[in-house]
Amino acid sequence: MIELGKKSKSRRDILERVERVSLVDVFSCYQCGRCSGDCPSINLMDIMPNQAIRLAQLGEVETLLESKTIWVCASCFTCTSRCPK
């Protein structure tokens, strides 16, 4: 489980934890948008998957946590299978 409370020292610390859990380097994304193209939950999201990755790259963790996107993800891995990285 990723703890986001007082134990998190910085935004970078949170991103490192996310990368450890997901095995995905958020900084390898170059914003092609393929992950968003076939997402079955896209109509329920307020931020598209590629935009969520960009926000993570920018350290906007609070914005991500306040969005519906990360909570309505179907965990189908369509984004992962479409990603050229």
Protein backbone atom coordinates (compact mmCIF):
# COMPACT_ATOMS: atom_id res chain seq x y z
CA MET A 1 0.00 0.00 0.00
CA ILE A 2 1.23 3.47 -0.84
CA GLU A 3 1.14 5.79 2.14
CA LEU A 4 0.58 9.41 1.25
CA GLY A 5 0.42 10.94 4.71
CA LYS A 6 3.14 12.41 6.88
CA LYS A 7 5.58 9.61 6.05
CA SER A 8 5.96 10.85 2.47
CA LYS A 9 8.97 13.13 2.40
CA SER A 10 8.39 14.67 -1.03
CA ARG A 11 6.53 14.39 -4.29
CA ARG A 12 9.49 12.50 -5.69
CA ASP A 13 9.21 10.02 -2.82
CA ILE A 14 5.58 9.37 -3.75
CA LEU A 15 6.48 8.92 -7.43
CA GLU A 16 9.23 6.48 -6.50
CA ARG A 17 6.73 4.45 -4.49
CA VAL A 18 4.26 4.45 -7.39
CA GLU A 19 7.01 3.32 -9.78
CA ARG A 20 8.04 0.54 -7.40
CA VAL A 21 4.49 -0.77 -7.14
CA SER A 22 3.54 -0.38 -10.81
CA LEU A 23 6.96 -1.22 -12.33
CA VAL A 24 6.41 1.72 -14.69
CA ASP A 25 8.77 4.67 -15.09
CA VAL A 26 6.43 7.65 -15.43
CA PHE A 27 9.26 9.70 -16.92
CA SER A 28 9.56 7.37 -19.93
CA CYS A 29 6.17 8.57 -21.24
CA TYR A 30 6.42 10.92 -24.20
CA GLN A 31 2.69 11.73 -24.38
CA CYS A 32 1.67 9.90 -27.56
CA GLY A 33 -1.86 9.43 -26.16
CA ARG A 34 -2.26 5.78 -27.14
CA CYS A 35 -3.10 4.85 -23.55
CA SER A 36 -6.15 7.10 -23.69
CA GLY A 37 -7.27 5.99 -27.14
CA ASP A 38 -8.90 2.68 -26.22
CA CYS A 39 -9.51 3.15 -22.49
CA PRO A 40 -12.93 1.65 -21.67
CA SER A 41 -13.37 3.98 -18.69
CA ILE A 42 -12.41 7.22 -20.46
CA ASN A 43 -15.96 8.58 -20.42
CA LEU A 44 -15.98 8.39 -16.59
CA MET A 45 -12.62 10.12 -16.17
CA ASP A 46 -12.07 13.82 -15.67
CA ILE A 47 -8.39 13.53 -16.68
CA MET A 48 -7.29 11.25 -19.52
CA PRO A 49 -4.66 8.59 -18.67
CA ASN A 50 -1.90 10.34 -20.63
CA GLN A 51 -2.74 13.60 -18.84
CA ALA A 52 -2.57 11.78 -15.50
CA ILE A 53 0.93 10.56 -16.37
CA ARG A 54 1.95 14.11 -17.31
CA LEU A 55 0.64 15.43 -14.00
CA ALA A 56 2.68 12.75 -12.24
CA GLN A 57 5.76 13.81 -14.21
CA LEU A 58 5.18 17.38 -13.06
CA GLY A 59 4.75 16.29 -9.44
CA GLU A 60 1.10 17.32 -9.31
CA VAL A 61 0.22 14.45 -6.98
CA GLU A 62 -2.49 16.39 -5.16
CA THR A 63 -4.30 17.08 -8.44
CA LEU A 64 -4.23 13.39 -9.29
CA LEU A 65 -5.55 12.34 -5.91
CA GLU A 66 -8.40 14.83 -6.21
CA SER A 67 -9.41 13.60 -9.67
CA LYS A 68 -11.84 10.79 -10.44
CA THR A 69 -9.46 9.20 -12.94
CA ILE A 70 -7.33 7.07 -10.66
CA TRP A 71 -10.40 5.81 -8.81
CA VAL A 72 -12.47 4.78 -11.86
CA CYS A 73 -9.66 2.99 -13.69
CA ALA A 74 -10.87 -0.50 -14.72
CA SER A 75 -7.38 -1.99 -14.24
CA CYS A 76 -7.74 -3.70 -17.61
CA PHE A 77 -4.18 -2.81 -18.69
CA THR A 78 -5.31 -1.56 -22.11
CA CYS A 79 -3.12 1.48 -21.52
CA THR A 80 -0.14 -0.72 -20.80
CA SER A 81 -0.68 -2.93 -23.85
CA ARG A 82 -1.04 0.12 -26.13
CA CYS A 83 2.02 1.92 -24.76
CA PRO A 84 4.98 1.88 -27.18
CA LYS A 85 7.39 2.11 -24.24
